[in-house]
Amino acid sequence: QVQLVEAGGGLVQAGDSLKLSCAASGRTLSRYTMGWFRQAPGKEREFVARITWNGVSAIYLDSVKGRFTISRDNAKNTVYLQMNSLKPEDTAVYYCAAETRAYGLGYRSSDFGSWGQGTQVTVSS
């Protein structure tokens, strides 16, 4: 079982940037698609971005396209989420997750079997 630990959250103003990281231990991530999800207060968890095991393909939630970039460094067993031009509606707990199946192309919460504990991102207006 892989353990995932997110870091990099915080309180910022609208328009600022943050870079989240997700470090894995217990299993190499190089065969697994990785995703970022978020959950705002009173709302369901939603997909934000995911990147394939080889870093070739990434997809994003429409509302973050052009502002967020997901990347990975398999040598460091780490996944990142660069968030630019942050908006108050980006406020949420952000979770990274590893897909259950190796070499998969999942994007739904149910496709991901390992989750981090989450990191809070708060964007003030």
N, C-alpha and C. Protein backbone atom coordinates (compact mmCIF):
# COMPACT_ATOMS: atom_id res chain seq x y z
N GLN A 1 0.84 -1.18 0.00
CA GLN A 1 0.00 0.00 0.00
C GLN A 1 0.88 1.24 0.00
N VAL A 2 0.56 2.17 -0.85
CA VAL A 2 1.34 3.38 -0.95
C VAL A 2 0.82 4.42 0.04
N GLN A 3 1.72 5.17 0.62
CA GLN A 3 1.35 6.29 1.48
C GLN A 3 1.64 7.59 0.73
N LEU A 4 0.68 8.48 0.75
CA LEU A 4 0.80 9.75 0.04
C LEU A 4 0.69 10.90 1.04
N VAL A 5 1.59 11.85 0.92
CA VAL A 5 1.60 12.99 1.83
C VAL A 5 1.65 14.27 1.01
N GLU A 6 0.59 15.08 1.13
CA GLU A 6 0.53 16.35 0.42
C GLU A 6 1.17 17.46 1.26
N ALA A 7 1.66 18.46 0.57
CA ALA A 7 2.22 19.65 1.23
C ALA A 7 2.08 20.83 0.30
N GLY A 8 2.19 22.03 0.87
CA GLY A 8 2.21 23.23 0.05
C GLY A 8 0.96 24.09 0.11
N GLY A 9 -0.04 23.63 0.83
CA GLY A 9 -1.25 24.43 0.93
C GLY A 9 -1.02 25.66 1.80
N GLY A 10 -2.03 26.53 1.83
CA GLY A 10 -1.91 27.72 2.65
C GLY A 10 -2.99 28.73 2.35
N LEU A 11 -2.83 29.90 2.94
CA LEU A 11 -3.76 31.02 2.74
C LEU A 11 -3.10 32.04 1.82
N VAL A 12 -3.75 32.31 0.71
CA VAL A 12 -3.22 33.28 -0.26
C VAL A 12 -4.34 34.21 -0.70
N GLN A 13 -3.95 35.25 -1.41
CA GLN A 13 -4.93 36.18 -1.97
C GLN A 13 -5.26 35.80 -3.41
N ALA A 14 -6.41 36.24 -3.86
CA ALA A 14 -6.80 36.00 -5.24
C ALA A 14 -5.72 36.51 -6.18
N GLY A 15 -5.41 35.70 -7.19
CA GLY A 15 -4.37 36.05 -8.13
C GLY A 15 -3.01 35.49 -7.81
N ASP A 16 -2.84 35.01 -6.59
CA ASP A 16 -1.55 34.44 -6.18
C ASP A 16 -1.39 33.02 -6.72
N SER A 17 -0.22 32.46 -6.45
CA SER A 17 0.10 31.10 -6.89
C SER A 17 0.50 30.24 -5.70
N LEU A 18 0.27 28.94 -5.85
CA LEU A 18 0.73 27.95 -4.89
C LEU A 18 1.17 26.72 -5.67
N LYS A 19 2.13 25.99 -5.11
CA LYS A 19 2.52 24.72 -5.71
C LYS A 19 2.38 23.63 -4.68
N LEU A 20 1.48 22.71 -4.93
CA LEU A 20 1.29 21.57 -4.05
C LEU A 20 2.21 20.43 -4.47
N SER A 21 2.65 19.66 -3.50
CA SER A 21 3.42 18.47 -3.78
C SER A 21 2.78 17.27 -3.09
N CYS A 22 3.05 16.11 -3.64
CA CYS A 22 2.53 14.86 -3.09
C CYS A 22 3.65 13.84 -3.16
N ALA A 23 4.19 13.50 -2.01
CA ALA A 23 5.29 12.56 -1.94
C ALA A 23 4.77 11.17 -1.57
N ALA A 24 5.28 10.18 -2.25
CA ALA A 24 4.81 8.81 -2.03
C ALA A 24 5.90 7.97 -1.38
N SER A 25 5.46 7.04 -0.58
CA SER A 25 6.37 6.06 0.00
C SER A 25 5.65 4.72 0.02
N GLY A 26 6.43 3.66 0.07
CA GLY A 26 5.86 2.32 0.15
C GLY A 26 5.67 1.66 -1.20
N ARG A 27 5.68 2.46 -2.27
CA ARG A 27 5.51 1.89 -3.60
C ARG A 27 5.95 2.94 -4.61
N THR A 28 6.62 2.48 -5.66
CA THR A 28 6.99 3.41 -6.71
C THR A 28 5.74 3.82 -7.49
N LEU A 29 5.69 5.09 -7.86
CA LEU A 29 4.54 5.62 -8.58
C LEU A 29 4.69 5.53 -10.09
N SER A 30 5.83 5.07 -10.55
CA SER A 30 6.16 5.19 -11.97
C SER A 30 5.21 4.40 -12.88
N ARG A 31 4.42 3.49 -12.34
CA ARG A 31 3.49 2.73 -13.17
C ARG A 31 2.05 3.20 -13.02
N TYR A 32 1.85 4.27 -12.22
CA TYR A 32 0.48 4.65 -11.87
C TYR A 32 0.13 6.07 -12.28
N THR A 33 -1.05 6.19 -12.86
CA THR A 33 -1.62 7.50 -13.09
C THR A 33 -1.94 8.15 -11.74
N MET A 34 -1.63 9.44 -11.63
CA MET A 34 -1.84 10.16 -10.38
C MET A 34 -2.84 11.29 -10.61
N GLY A 35 -3.60 11.57 -9.58
CA GLY A 35 -4.62 12.61 -9.71
C GLY A 35 -4.63 13.55 -8.52
N TRP A 36 -5.20 14.72 -8.76
CA TRP A 36 -5.50 15.69 -7.70
C TRP A 36 -7.01 15.90 -7.69
N PHE A 37 -7.57 15.89 -6.51
CA PHE A 37 -8.99 16.14 -6.31
C PHE A 37 -9.11 17.22 -5.24
N ARG A 38 -10.30 17.81 -5.13
CA ARG A 38 -10.51 18.79 -4.08
C ARG A 38 -11.93 18.70 -3.54
N GLN A 39 -12.07 19.14 -2.32
CA GLN A 39 -13.39 19.14 -1.69
C GLN A 39 -13.57 20.44 -0.91
N ALA A 40 -14.54 21.21 -1.34
CA ALA A 40 -14.88 22.46 -0.67
C ALA A 40 -15.93 22.18 0.41
N PRO A 41 -16.03 23.04 1.40
CA PRO A 41 -17.03 22.83 2.46
C PRO A 41 -18.44 22.69 1.91
N GLY A 42 -19.12 21.64 2.31
CA GLY A 42 -20.50 21.43 1.89
C GLY A 42 -20.67 20.90 0.47
N LYS A 43 -19.55 20.57 -0.17
CA LYS A 43 -19.61 20.08 -1.54
C LYS A 43 -18.96 18.71 -1.65
N GLU A 44 -19.28 18.01 -2.73
CA GLU A 44 -18.67 16.72 -2.96
C GLU A 44 -17.25 16.88 -3.49
N ARG A 45 -16.46 15.86 -3.27
CA ARG A 45 -15.11 15.86 -3.81
C ARG A 45 -15.18 15.88 -5.34
N GLU A 46 -14.32 16.70 -5.96
CA GLU A 46 -14.32 16.78 -7.41
C GLU A 46 -12.93 16.59 -7.98
N PHE A 47 -12.90 16.08 -9.17
CA PHE A 47 -11.66 15.87 -9.92
C PHE A 47 -11.07 17.23 -10.31
N VAL A 48 -9.76 17.36 -10.19
CA VAL A 48 -9.08 18.59 -10.60
C VAL A 48 -8.15 18.32 -11.79
N ALA A 49 -7.32 17.30 -11.68
CA ALA A 49 -6.35 17.01 -12.74
C ALA A 49 -5.81 15.61 -12.53
N ARG A 50 -5.33 15.04 -13.63
CA ARG A 50 -4.62 13.77 -13.50
C ARG A 50 -3.55 13.70 -14.59
N ILE A 51 -2.51 12.94 -14.28
CA ILE A 51 -1.40 12.78 -15.21
C ILE A 51 -1.07 11.30 -15.31
N THR A 52 -0.81 10.84 -16.52
CA THR A 52 -0.53 9.43 -16.72
C THR A 52 0.82 9.05 -16.12
N TRP A 53 1.04 7.75 -15.98
CA TRP A 53 2.23 7.21 -15.33
C TRP A 53 3.52 7.73 -15.96
N ASN A 54 3.50 7.97 -17.26
CA ASN A 54 4.71 8.39 -17.97
C ASN A 54 4.78 9.92 -18.14
N GLY A 55 3.80 10.63 -17.62
CA GLY A 55 3.81 12.08 -17.71
C GLY A 55 3.43 12.64 -19.06
N VAL A 56 3.02 11.79 -19.97
CA VAL A 56 2.75 12.24 -21.34
C VAL A 56 1.40 12.94 -21.46
N SER A 57 0.41 12.46 -20.74
CA SER A 57 -0.95 12.97 -20.92
C SER A 57 -1.51 13.50 -19.61
N ALA A 58 -2.11 14.67 -19.68
CA ALA A 58 -2.76 15.26 -18.50
C ALA A 58 -4.12 15.82 -18.91
N ILE A 59 -5.07 15.72 -18.02
CA ILE A 59 -6.39 16.32 -18.25
C ILE A 59 -6.78 17.12 -17.02
N TYR A 60 -7.67 18.11 -17.23
CA TYR A 60 -8.00 19.05 -16.16
C TYR A 60 -9.50 19.31 -16.10
N LEU A 61 -9.94 19.70 -14.93
CA LEU A 61 -11.27 20.26 -14.74
C LEU A 61 -11.34 21.54 -15.57
N ASP A 62 -12.46 21.76 -16.23
CA ASP A 62 -12.56 22.91 -17.12
C ASP A 62 -12.23 24.23 -16.42
N SER A 63 -12.68 24.37 -15.20
CA SER A 63 -12.52 25.65 -14.52
C SER A 63 -11.07 25.95 -14.11
N VAL A 64 -10.17 24.97 -14.20
CA VAL A 64 -8.77 25.22 -13.84
C VAL A 64 -7.84 25.16 -15.05
N LYS A 65 -8.38 24.84 -16.21
CA LYS A 65 -7.54 24.79 -17.42
C LYS A 65 -6.90 26.14 -17.67
N GLY A 66 -5.62 26.08 -17.99
CA GLY A 66 -4.88 27.31 -18.24
C GLY A 66 -4.33 27.97 -16.99
N ARG A 67 -4.78 27.52 -15.83
CA ARG A 67 -4.29 28.08 -14.56
C ARG A 67 -3.50 27.06 -13.75
N PHE A 68 -3.92 25.81 -13.79
CA PHE A 68 -3.26 24.75 -13.02
C PHE A 68 -2.46 23.86 -13.96
N THR A 69 -1.34 23.35 -13.44
CA THR A 69 -0.52 22.40 -14.20
C THR A 69 -0.12 21.25 -13.28
N ILE A 70 -0.44 20.04 -13.70
CA ILE A 70 -0.02 18.85 -12.97
C ILE A 70 1.27 18.32 -13.59
N SER A 71 2.19 17.88 -12.76
CA SER A 71 3.45 17.33 -13.26
C SER A 71 3.91 16.25 -12.29
N ARG A 72 4.93 15.52 -12.70
CA ARG A 72 5.44 14.46 -11.84
C ARG A 72 6.92 14.28 -12.06
N ASP A 73 7.58 13.80 -11.01
CA ASP A 73 9.00 13.44 -11.08
C ASP A 73 9.09 12.02 -10.54
N ASN A 74 9.11 11.07 -11.43
CA ASN A 74 9.09 9.67 -10.98
C ASN A 74 10.38 9.30 -10.23
N ALA A 75 11.46 9.97 -10.53
CA ALA A 75 12.70 9.69 -9.81
C ALA A 75 12.58 10.08 -8.34
N LYS A 76 11.76 11.09 -8.07
CA LYS A 76 11.54 11.54 -6.70
C LYS A 76 10.24 10.98 -6.12
N ASN A 77 9.53 10.19 -6.91
CA ASN A 77 8.26 9.62 -6.46
C ASN A 77 7.30 10.69 -5.96
N THR A 78 7.24 11.77 -6.72
CA THR A 78 6.48 12.95 -6.29
C THR A 78 5.66 13.50 -7.45
N VAL A 79 4.48 13.99 -7.09
CA VAL A 79 3.58 14.63 -8.05
C VAL A 79 3.32 16.05 -7.57
N TYR A 80 3.14 16.95 -8.52
CA TYR A 80 2.97 18.37 -8.19
C TYR A 80 1.68 18.91 -8.83
N LEU A 81 1.20 19.98 -8.23
CA LEU A 81 0.10 20.75 -8.83
C LEU A 81 0.45 22.22 -8.69
N GLN A 82 0.84 22.83 -9.79
CA GLN A 82 1.12 24.26 -9.82
C GLN A 82 -0.18 25.00 -10.06
N MET A 83 -0.53 25.89 -9.15
CA MET A 83 -1.80 26.61 -9.24
C MET A 83 -1.51 28.10 -9.35
N ASN A 84 -1.87 28.67 -10.48
CA ASN A 84 -1.67 30.09 -10.73
C ASN A 84 -3.02 30.80 -10.81
N SER A 85 -2.98 32.11 -10.68
CA SER A 85 -4.20 32.93 -10.79
C SER A 85 -5.32 32.36 -9.94
N LEU A 86 -5.02 32.09 -8.70
CA LEU A 86 -5.99 31.45 -7.83
C LEU A 86 -7.20 32.35 -7.59
N LYS A 87 -8.34 31.71 -7.45
CA LYS A 87 -9.61 32.40 -7.23
C LYS A 87 -10.24 31.92 -5.91
N PRO A 88 -11.08 32.71 -5.31
CA PRO A 88 -11.74 32.27 -4.07
C PRO A 88 -12.46 30.94 -4.24
N GLU A 89 -12.99 30.68 -5.41
CA GLU A 89 -13.71 29.41 -5.63
C GLU A 89 -12.78 28.20 -5.71
N ASP A 90 -11.48 28.43 -5.69
CA ASP A 90 -10.51 27.32 -5.62
C ASP A 90 -10.29 26.87 -4.18
N THR A 91 -10.87 27.58 -3.23
CA THR A 91 -10.71 27.21 -1.82
C THR A 91 -11.29 25.83 -1.57
N ALA A 92 -10.45 24.95 -1.01
CA ALA A 92 -10.86 23.56 -0.76
C ALA A 92 -9.71 22.83 -0.09
N VAL A 93 -10.01 21.62 0.35
CA VAL A 93 -8.95 20.70 0.74
C VAL A 93 -8.57 19.93 -0.52
N TYR A 94 -7.29 19.92 -0.80
CA TYR A 94 -6.78 19.25 -2.01
C TYR A 94 -6.15 17.92 -1.63
N TYR A 95 -6.52 16.89 -2.38
CA TYR A 95 -6.04 15.53 -2.14
C TYR A 95 -5.32 15.00 -3.37
N CYS A 96 -4.21 14.31 -3.15
CA CYS A 96 -3.63 13.57 -4.25
C CYS A 96 -4.02 12.11 -4.10
N ALA A 97 -3.99 11.40 -5.22
CA ALA A 97 -4.43 10.02 -5.22
C ALA A 97 -3.70 9.25 -6.29
N ALA A 98 -3.50 7.97 -6.03
CA ALA A 98 -2.86 7.06 -6.97
C ALA A 98 -3.90 6.09 -7.51
N GLU A 99 -3.90 5.91 -8.82
CA GLU A 99 -4.87 5.01 -9.41
C GLU A 99 -4.61 3.58 -8.95
N THR A 100 -5.68 2.85 -8.78
CA THR A 100 -5.57 1.48 -8.29
C THR A 100 -4.88 0.57 -9.30
N ARG A 101 -5.21 0.77 -10.57
CA ARG A 101 -4.70 -0.12 -11.63
C ARG A 101 -3.47 0.50 -12.28
N ALA A 102 -2.45 -0.30 -12.45
CA ALA A 102 -1.24 0.18 -13.13
C ALA A 102 -1.56 0.50 -14.59
N TYR A 103 -0.92 1.54 -15.08
CA TYR A 103 -1.05 1.96 -16.48
C TYR A 103 -2.49 2.28 -16.87
N GLY A 104 -3.26 2.77 -15.91
CA GLY A 104 -4.65 3.12 -16.19
C GLY A 104 -4.80 4.54 -16.68
N LEU A 105 -6.05 4.89 -17.04
CA LEU A 105 -6.36 6.23 -17.54
C LEU A 105 -7.55 6.79 -16.78
N GLY A 106 -7.61 6.48 -15.50
CA GLY A 106 -8.75 6.89 -14.71
C GLY A 106 -8.77 8.37 -14.39
N TYR A 107 -9.96 8.85 -14.03
CA TYR A 107 -10.14 10.24 -13.58
C TYR A 107 -11.26 10.35 -12.55
N ARG A 108 -12.00 9.28 -12.35
CA ARG A 108 -13.06 9.29 -11.35
C ARG A 108 -12.50 8.90 -9.99
N SER A 109 -13.12 9.38 -8.94
CA SER A 109 -12.64 9.04 -7.60
C SER A 109 -12.53 7.54 -7.40
N SER A 110 -13.46 6.81 -7.96
CA SER A 110 -13.49 5.36 -7.78
C SER A 110 -12.34 4.65 -8.48
N ASP A 111 -11.65 5.34 -9.40
CA ASP A 111 -10.49 4.75 -10.08
C ASP A 111 -9.24 4.78 -9.21
N PHE A 112 -9.29 5.56 -8.14
CA PHE A 112 -8.09 5.80 -7.33
C PHE A 112 -8.23 5.12 -5.97
N GLY A 113 -7.24 4.31 -5.61
CA GLY A 113 -7.36 3.51 -4.40
C GLY A 113 -6.54 3.99 -3.23
N SER A 114 -5.58 4.87 -3.49
CA SER A 114 -4.73 5.39 -2.42
C SER A 114 -4.85 6.90 -2.39
N TRP A 115 -5.05 7.44 -1.19
CA TRP A 115 -5.30 8.87 -1.03
C TRP A 115 -4.42 9.45 0.07
N GLY A 116 -4.04 10.70 -0.12
CA GLY A 116 -3.35 11.41 0.93
C GLY A 116 -4.34 11.98 1.92
N GLN A 117 -3.81 12.67 2.92
CA GLN A 117 -4.66 13.19 3.98
C GLN A 117 -5.25 14.56 3.64
N GLY A 118 -4.74 15.17 2.60
CA GLY A 118 -5.25 16.45 2.13
C GLY A 118 -4.49 17.64 2.67
N THR A 119 -4.49 18.71 1.91
CA THR A 119 -3.88 19.97 2.33
C THR A 119 -4.83 21.11 2.01
N GLN A 120 -5.00 22.01 2.96
CA GLN A 120 -5.98 23.09 2.81
C GLN A 120 -5.42 24.22 1.96
N VAL A 121 -6.22 24.64 1.01
CA VAL A 121 -5.91 25.83 0.20
C VAL A 121 -7.05 26.82 0.41
N THR A 122 -6.71 28.01 0.87
CA THR A 122 -7.71 29.04 1.10
C THR A 122 -7.32 30.29 0.32
N VAL A 123 -8.21 30.75 -0.53
CA VAL A 123 -7.96 31.91 -1.36
C VAL A 123 -8.91 33.03 -0.94
N SER A 124 -8.35 34.12 -0.47
CA SER A 124 -9.18 35.25 -0.04
C SER A 124 -9.36 36.23 -1.19
N SER A 125 -10.49 36.91 -1.17
CA SER A 125 -10.78 37.86 -2.25
C SER A 125 -10.22 39.23 -1.95
